[in-house]
């Protein structure tokens, strides 16, 4: 009986780790895209200022 609960605990821990890794990767890639967008906007502003 104890082994059964221990096995469930290990499985929950592993699935939690996997979920954390997946969510972490997703948020990282999203952040990277947001950063690229912000950078491009800033560079456009600089170009605009140079023209004016």
PDB file of N, CA and C in Angstrom:
ATOM      1  N   UNK A   1       0.836  -1.209   0.000  1.00  0.00           N
ATOM      2  CA  UNK A   1       0.000   0.000   0.000  1.00  0.00           C
ATOM      3  C   UNK A   1       0.870   1.257   0.000  1.00  0.00           C
ATOM      4  N   UNK A   2       1.919   1.235   0.798  1.00  0.00           N
ATOM      5  CA  UNK A   2       2.810   2.399   0.856  1.00  0.00           C
ATOM      6  C   UNK A   2       3.489   2.605  -0.496  1.00  0.00           C
ATOM      7  N   UNK A   3       3.911   1.491  -1.128  1.00  0.00           N
ATOM      8  CA  UNK A   3       4.572   1.588  -2.433  1.00  0.00           C
ATOM      9  C   UNK A   3       3.648   2.240  -3.459  1.00  0.00           C
ATOM     10  N   UNK A   4       2.342   1.944  -3.366  1.00  0.00           N
ATOM     11  CA  UNK A   4       1.353   2.488  -4.297  1.00  0.00           C
ATOM     12  C   UNK A   4       1.317   4.008  -4.200  1.00  0.00           C
ATOM     13  N   UNK A   5       1.241   4.527  -2.973  1.00  0.00           N
ATOM     14  CA  UNK A   5       1.209   5.986  -2.782  1.00  0.00           C
ATOM     15  C   UNK A   5       2.528   6.610  -3.219  1.00  0.00           C
ATOM     16  N   UNK A   6       3.635   5.919  -2.958  1.00  0.00           N
ATOM     17  CA  UNK A   6       4.951   6.428  -3.349  1.00  0.00           C
ATOM     18  C   UNK A   6       5.035   6.530  -4.864  1.00  0.00           C
ATOM     19  N   UNK A   7       4.496   5.503  -5.562  1.00  0.00           N
ATOM     20  CA  UNK A   7       4.510   5.496  -7.025  1.00  0.00           C
ATOM     21  C   UNK A   7       3.685   6.664  -7.569  1.00  0.00           C
ATOM     22  N   UNK A   8       2.516   6.901  -6.983  1.00  0.00           N
ATOM     23  CA  UNK A   8       1.674   8.032  -7.413  1.00  0.00           C
ATOM     24  C   UNK A   8       2.423   9.346  -7.188  1.00  0.00           C
ATOM     25  N   UNK A   9       3.080   9.465  -6.055  1.00  0.00           N
ATOM     26  CA  UNK A   9       3.842  10.675  -5.759  1.00  0.00           C
ATOM     27  C   UNK A   9       4.928  10.918  -6.794  1.00  0.00           C
ATOM     28  N   UNK A  10       5.657   9.868  -7.148  1.00  0.00           N
ATOM     29  CA  UNK A  10       6.733   9.997  -8.142  1.00  0.00           C
ATOM     30  C   UNK A  10       6.158  10.392  -9.498  1.00  0.00           C
ATOM     31  N   UNK A  11       5.040   9.745  -9.889  1.00  0.00           N
ATOM     32  CA  UNK A  11       4.420  10.061 -11.176  1.00  0.00           C
ATOM     33  C   UNK A  11       3.950  11.509 -11.216  1.00  0.00           C
ATOM     34  N   UNK A  12       3.327  11.967 -10.123  1.00  0.00           N
ATOM     35  CA  UNK A  12       2.859  13.360 -10.066  1.00  0.00           C
ATOM     36  C   UNK A  12       4.043  14.311 -10.154  1.00  0.00           C
ATOM     37  N   UNK A  13       5.126  13.964  -9.453  1.00  0.00           N
ATOM     38  CA  UNK A  13       6.321  14.811  -9.477  1.00  0.00           C
ATOM     39  C   UNK A  13       6.885  14.917 -10.889  1.00  0.00           C
ATOM     40  N   UNK A  14       6.978  13.764 -11.576  1.00  0.00           N
ATOM     41  CA  UNK A  14       7.534  13.755 -12.930  1.00  0.00           C
ATOM     42  C   UNK A  14       6.645  14.529 -13.902  1.00  0.00           C
ATOM     43  N   UNK A  15       5.331  14.340 -13.799  1.00  0.00           N
ATOM     44  CA  UNK A  15       4.434  15.072 -14.705  1.00  0.00           C
ATOM     45  C   UNK A  15       4.510  16.563 -14.401  1.00  0.00           C
ATOM     46  N   UNK A  16       4.638  16.917 -13.136  1.00  0.00           N
ATOM     47  CA  UNK A  16       4.774  18.327 -12.767  1.00  0.00           C
ATOM     48  C   UNK A  16       6.040  18.924 -13.350  1.00  0.00           C
ATOM     49  N   UNK A  17       7.142  18.167 -13.288  1.00  0.00           N
ATOM     50  CA  UNK A  17       8.409  18.635 -13.852  1.00  0.00           C
ATOM     51  C   UNK A  17       8.263  18.836 -15.359  1.00  0.00           C
ATOM     52  N   UNK A  18       7.657  17.845 -16.030  1.00  0.00           N
ATOM     53  CA  UNK A  18       7.495  17.928 -17.487  1.00  0.00           C
ATOM     54  C   UNK A  18       6.640  19.139 -17.849  1.00  0.00           C
ATOM     55  N   UNK A  19       5.550  19.346 -17.114  1.00  0.00           N
ATOM     56  CA  UNK A  19       4.679  20.494 -17.377  1.00  0.00           C
ATOM     57  C   UNK A  19       5.449  21.795 -17.174  1.00  0.00           C
ATOM     58  N   UNK A  20       6.224  21.856 -16.102  1.00  0.00           N
ATOM     59  CA  UNK A  20       7.007  23.058 -15.826  1.00  0.00           C
ATOM     60  C   UNK A  20       7.991  23.357 -16.944  1.00  0.00           C
ATOM     61  N   UNK A  21       8.653  22.313 -17.449  1.00  0.00           N
ATOM     62  CA  UNK A  21       9.624  22.493 -18.532  1.00  0.00           C
ATOM     63  C   UNK A  21       8.914  22.986 -19.789  1.00  0.00           C
ATOM     64  N   UNK A  22       7.790  22.352 -20.125  1.00  0.00           N
ATOM     65  CA  UNK A  22       7.056  22.733 -21.334  1.00  0.00           C
ATOM     66  C   UNK A  22       6.566  24.172 -21.231  1.00  0.00           C
ATOM     67  N   UNK A  23       5.952  24.512 -20.087  1.00  0.00           N
ATOM     68  CA  UNK A  23       5.435  25.869 -19.908  1.00  0.00           C
ATOM     69  C   UNK A  23       6.582  26.875 -19.913  1.00  0.00           C
ATOM     70  N   UNK A  24       7.698  26.515 -19.289  1.00  0.00           N
ATOM     71  CA  UNK A  24       8.853  27.402 -19.266  1.00  0.00           C
ATOM     72  C   UNK A  24       9.368  27.670 -20.673  1.00  0.00           C
ATOM     73  N   UNK A  25       9.454  26.621 -21.496  1.00  0.00           N
ATOM     74  CA  UNK A  25       9.931  26.798 -22.877  1.00  0.00           C
ATOM     75  C   UNK A  25       8.967  27.670 -23.663  1.00  0.00           C
ATOM     76  N   UNK A  26       7.663  27.440 -23.471  1.00  0.00           N
ATOM     77  CA  UNK A  26       6.669  28.236 -24.197  1.00  0.00           C
ATOM     78  C   UNK A  26       6.787  29.710 -23.825  1.00  0.00           C
ATOM     79  N   UNK A  27       6.870  29.992 -22.523  1.00  0.00           N
ATOM     80  CA  UNK A  27       6.935  31.392 -22.098  1.00  0.00           C
ATOM     81  C   UNK A  27       8.245  32.023 -22.570  1.00  0.00           C
ATOM     82  N   UNK A  28       9.337  31.225 -22.599  1.00  0.00           N
ATOM     83  CA  UNK A  28      10.615  31.759 -23.081  1.00  0.00           C
ATOM     84  C   UNK A  28      10.514  32.164 -24.548  1.00  0.00           C
ATOM     85  N   UNK A  29       9.957  31.279 -25.376  1.00  0.00           N
ATOM     86  CA  UNK A  29       9.862  31.587 -26.804  1.00  0.00           C
ATOM     87  C   UNK A  29       8.935  32.782 -27.016  1.00  0.00           C
ATOM     88  N   UNK A  30       7.864  32.871 -26.225  1.00  0.00           N
ATOM     89  CA  UNK A  30       6.938  33.994 -26.350  1.00  0.00           C
ATOM     90  C   UNK A  30       7.674  35.287 -25.980  1.00  0.00           C
ATOM     91  N   UNK A  31       8.451  35.226 -24.904  1.00  0.00           N
ATOM     92  CA  UNK A  31       9.194  36.405 -24.462  1.00  0.00           C
ATOM     93  C   UNK A  31      10.188  36.819 -25.547  1.00  0.00           C
ATOM     94  N   UNK A  32      10.816  35.849 -26.185  1.00  0.00           N
ATOM     95  CA  UNK A  32      11.786  36.143 -27.234  1.00  0.00           C
ATOM     96  C   UNK A  32      11.101  36.885 -28.378  1.00  0.00           C
ATOM     97  N   UNK A  33       9.921  36.413 -28.752  1.00  0.00           N
ATOM     98  CA  UNK A  33       9.171  37.066 -29.834  1.00  0.00           C
ATOM     99  C   UNK A  33       8.806  38.490 -29.425  1.00  0.00           C
ATOM    100  N   UNK A  34       8.318  38.662 -28.185  1.00  0.00           N
ATOM    101  CA  UNK A  34       7.970  40.004 -27.703  1.00  0.00           C
ATOM    102  C   UNK A  34       9.200  40.906 -27.750  1.00  0.00           C
ATOM    103  N   UNK A  35      10.351  40.375 -27.350  1.00  0.00           N
ATOM    104  CA  UNK A  35      11.578  41.159 -27.368  1.00  0.00           C
ATOM    105  C   UNK A  35      11.932  41.592 -28.779  1.00  0.00           C
ATOM    106  N   UNK A  36      11.788  40.672 -29.738  1.00  0.00           N
ATOM    107  CA  UNK A  36      12.078  41.006 -31.142  1.00  0.00           C
ATOM    108  C   UNK A  36      11.156  42.116 -31.626  1.00  0.00           C
ATOM    109  N   UNK A  37       9.874  42.013 -31.273  1.00  0.00           N
ATOM    110  CA  UNK A  37       8.907  43.027 -31.701  1.00  0.00           C
ATOM    111  C   UNK A  37       9.294  44.376 -31.122  1.00  0.00           C
ATOM    112  N   UNK A  38       9.613  44.401 -29.825  1.00  0.00           N
ATOM    113  CA  UNK A  38       9.976  45.662 -29.168  1.00  0.00           C
ATOM    114  C   UNK A  38      11.228  46.248 -29.828  1.00  0.00           C
ATOM    115  N   UNK A  39      12.223  45.386 -30.094  1.00  0.00           N
ATOM    116  CA  UNK A  39      13.460  45.856 -30.725  1.00  0.00           C
ATOM    117  C   UNK A  39      13.186  46.459 -32.092  1.00  0.00           C
ATOM    118  N   UNK A  40      12.348  45.793 -32.881  1.00  0.00           N
ATOM    119  CA  UNK A  40      12.064  46.303 -34.229  1.00  0.00           C
ATOM    120  C   UNK A  40      11.329  47.638 -34.145  1.00  0.00           C
ATOM    121  N   UNK A  41      10.413  47.747 -33.179  1.00  0.00           N
ATOM    122  CA  UNK A  41       9.685  49.012 -33.018  1.00  0.00           C
ATOM    123  C   UNK A  41      10.660  50.129 -32.648  1.00  0.00           C
ATOM    124  N   UNK A  42      11.571  49.829 -31.713  1.00  0.00           N
ATOM    125  CA  UNK A  42      12.543  50.846 -31.301  1.00  0.00           C
ATOM    126  C   UNK A  42      13.438  51.256 -32.467  1.00  0.00           C
ATOM    127  N   UNK A  43      13.882  50.278 -33.259  1.00  0.00           N
ATOM    128  CA  UNK A  43      14.749  50.626 -34.392  1.00  0.00           C
ATOM    129  C   UNK A  43      13.976  51.460 -35.412  1.00  0.00           C
ATOM    130  N   UNK A  44      12.697  51.163 -35.601  1.00  0.00           N
ATOM    131  CA  UNK A  44      11.874  51.965 -36.520  1.00  0.00           C
ATOM    132  C   UNK A  44      11.774  53.406 -36.016  1.00  0.00           C
ATOM    133  N   UNK A  45      11.605  53.554 -34.700  1.00  0.00           N
ATOM    134  CA  UNK A  45      11.523  54.905 -34.130  1.00  0.00           C
ATOM    135  C   UNK A  45      12.821  55.665 -34.384  1.00  0.00           C
ATOM    136  N   UNK A  46      13.966  54.967 -34.206  1.00  0.00           N
ATOM    137  CA  UNK A  46      15.261  55.609 -34.445  1.00  0.00           C
ATOM    138  C   UNK A  46      15.375  56.056 -35.892  1.00  0.00           C
ATOM    139  N   UNK A  47      14.985  55.177 -36.821  1.00  0.00           N
ATOM    140  CA  UNK A  47      15.043  55.525 -38.248  1.00  0.00           C
ATOM    141  C   UNK A  47      14.178  56.753 -38.521  1.00  0.00           C
ATOM    142  N   UNK A  48      12.994  56.762 -37.931  1.00  0.00           N
ATOM    143  CA  UNK A  48      12.060  57.862 -38.140  1.00  0.00           C
ATOM    144  C   UNK A  48      12.673  59.170 -37.644  1.00  0.00           C
ATOM    145  N   UNK A  49      13.328  59.107 -36.480  1.00  0.00           N
ATOM    146  CA  UNK A  49      13.954  60.303 -35.916  1.00  0.00           C
ATOM    147  C   UNK A  49      15.064  60.799 -36.823  1.00  0.00           C
ATOM    148  N   UNK A  50      15.833  59.878 -37.393  1.00  0.00           N
ATOM    149  CA  UNK A  50      16.930  60.272 -38.276  1.00  0.00           C
ATOM    150  C   UNK A  50      16.396  60.972 -39.506  1.00  0.00           C
ATOM    151  N   UNK A  51      15.285  60.476 -40.040  1.00  0.00           N
ATOM    152  CA  UNK A  51      14.694  61.070 -41.235  1.00  0.00           C
ATOM    153  C   UNK A  51      14.204  62.479 -40.953  1.00  0.00           C
ATOM    154  N   UNK A  52      13.634  62.686 -39.757  1.00  0.00           N
ATOM    155  CA  UNK A  52      13.040  63.992 -39.431  1.00  0.00           C
ATOM    156  C   UNK A  52      14.087  65.015 -39.045  1.00  0.00           C
TER     157      UNK A  52
END
